[in-house]
Amino acid sequence: MSEVLPVVIKAIVGIRPDLGESPTAITRDSALFYAADPGQPLLGLDSMEALELLVVLEQEFGVELAETGIRIADLCTVGDVVDAMSGAL
């Protein structure tokens, strides 16, 4: 799982270069869309960026999330994405 996080972060920065200005700000706890807690780090991806992220990761790891039973609606944080990709490998 530890090798998946850097790939996910790299994919996020590739889609949203502005987030790469402070790569330490992207953590497992970072919310993809909105922060559930006031202090939670927020990436603020829109739906197209989230879809692009999943496509990039599926290509990178050679998996299709649709075939794994993973629900995209359950992917709320960077950690959720890391866990989903790790589980699909």
Protein backbone atom coordinates (compact mmCIF):
# COMPACT_ATOMS: atom_id res chain seq x y z
CA MET A 1 0.00 0.00 0.00
CA SER A 2 2.87 2.40 0.70
CA GLU A 3 3.86 2.38 -2.98
CA VAL A 4 0.34 3.35 -4.07
CA LEU A 5 0.15 6.68 -2.19
CA PRO A 6 2.96 8.40 -4.14
CA VAL A 7 1.37 7.29 -7.43
CA VAL A 8 -2.01 8.67 -6.35
CA ILE A 9 -0.42 11.98 -5.29
CA LYS A 10 1.48 12.22 -8.58
CA ALA A 11 -1.76 11.59 -10.51
CA ILE A 12 -3.59 14.28 -8.50
CA VAL A 13 -0.83 16.82 -9.14
CA GLY A 14 -0.84 15.88 -12.84
CA ILE A 15 -4.53 16.74 -13.00
CA ARG A 16 -4.37 19.76 -10.68
CA PRO A 17 -0.85 21.25 -10.93
CA ASP A 18 -1.80 23.99 -8.46
CA LEU A 19 -1.94 21.31 -5.74
CA GLY A 20 1.68 20.39 -6.49
CA GLU A 21 2.94 23.71 -5.16
CA SER A 22 2.75 22.14 -1.69
CA PRO A 23 2.90 18.35 -2.12
CA THR A 24 3.07 17.83 1.64
CA ALA A 25 -0.49 19.22 1.79
CA ILE A 26 -1.81 16.10 0.04
CA THR A 27 -2.23 13.39 2.66
CA ARG A 28 -4.33 10.24 3.10
CA ASP A 29 -6.81 12.40 5.03
CA SER A 30 -7.22 14.97 2.24
CA ALA A 31 -10.85 15.17 1.09
CA LEU A 32 -11.32 14.84 -2.66
CA PHE A 33 -14.48 16.95 -3.01
CA TYR A 34 -15.52 18.58 0.26
CA ALA A 35 -14.28 18.45 3.83
CA ALA A 36 -16.51 16.62 6.30
CA ASP A 37 -14.64 18.24 9.20
CA PRO A 38 -13.61 21.92 9.36
CA GLY A 39 -9.92 21.09 9.89
CA GLN A 40 -9.73 18.41 7.18
CA PRO A 41 -7.41 19.18 4.23
CA LEU A 42 -9.43 19.75 1.06
CA LEU A 43 -8.38 19.18 -2.56
CA GLY A 44 -11.64 20.45 -4.04
CA LEU A 45 -11.70 18.25 -7.14
CA ASP A 46 -14.67 18.61 -9.44
CA SER A 47 -16.44 15.60 -10.93
CA MET A 48 -14.46 15.65 -14.19
CA GLU A 49 -11.15 15.83 -12.32
CA ALA A 50 -12.21 12.91 -10.14
CA LEU A 51 -13.14 10.87 -13.20
CA GLU A 52 -9.82 11.74 -14.83
CA LEU A 53 -8.01 10.68 -11.64
CA LEU A 54 -9.68 7.28 -11.68
CA VAL A 55 -8.93 6.75 -15.38
CA VAL A 56 -5.27 7.66 -14.87
CA LEU A 57 -4.99 5.29 -11.89
CA GLU A 58 -6.76 2.46 -13.68
CA GLN A 59 -4.27 2.80 -16.54
CA GLU A 60 -1.31 3.13 -14.18
CA PHE A 61 -2.19 0.00 -12.20
CA GLY A 62 -3.89 -1.98 -14.98
CA VAL A 63 -7.17 -2.46 -13.09
CA GLU A 64 -10.78 -1.49 -13.68
CA LEU A 65 -12.56 -0.34 -10.56
CA ALA A 66 -15.94 -1.17 -12.11
CA GLU A 67 -14.97 -4.84 -12.01
CA THR A 68 -13.91 -4.79 -8.35
CA GLY A 69 -17.18 -3.88 -6.67
CA ILE A 70 -15.68 -0.64 -5.39
CA ARG A 71 -18.24 2.16 -5.43
CA ILE A 72 -16.87 5.48 -6.62
CA ALA A 73 -19.31 7.21 -4.27
CA ASP A 74 -17.35 5.69 -1.34
CA LEU A 75 -14.09 7.35 -2.41
CA CYS A 76 -14.11 10.51 -0.29
CA THR A 77 -10.45 10.92 0.65
CA VAL A 78 -7.04 10.26 -0.84
CA GLY A 79 -6.77 7.36 1.63
CA ASP A 80 -9.97 5.84 0.27
CA VAL A 81 -8.51 5.95 -3.25
CA VAL A 82 -5.22 4.43 -2.05
CA ASP A 83 -7.07 1.64 -0.24
CA ALA A 84 -9.31 0.96 -3.26
CA MET A 85 -6.37 0.76 -5.63
CA SER A 86 -4.37 -1.37 -3.20
CA GLY A 87 -7.29 -3.75 -2.80
CA ALA A 88 -7.74 -4.02 -6.55
CA LEU A 89 -4.11 -5.03 -7.18
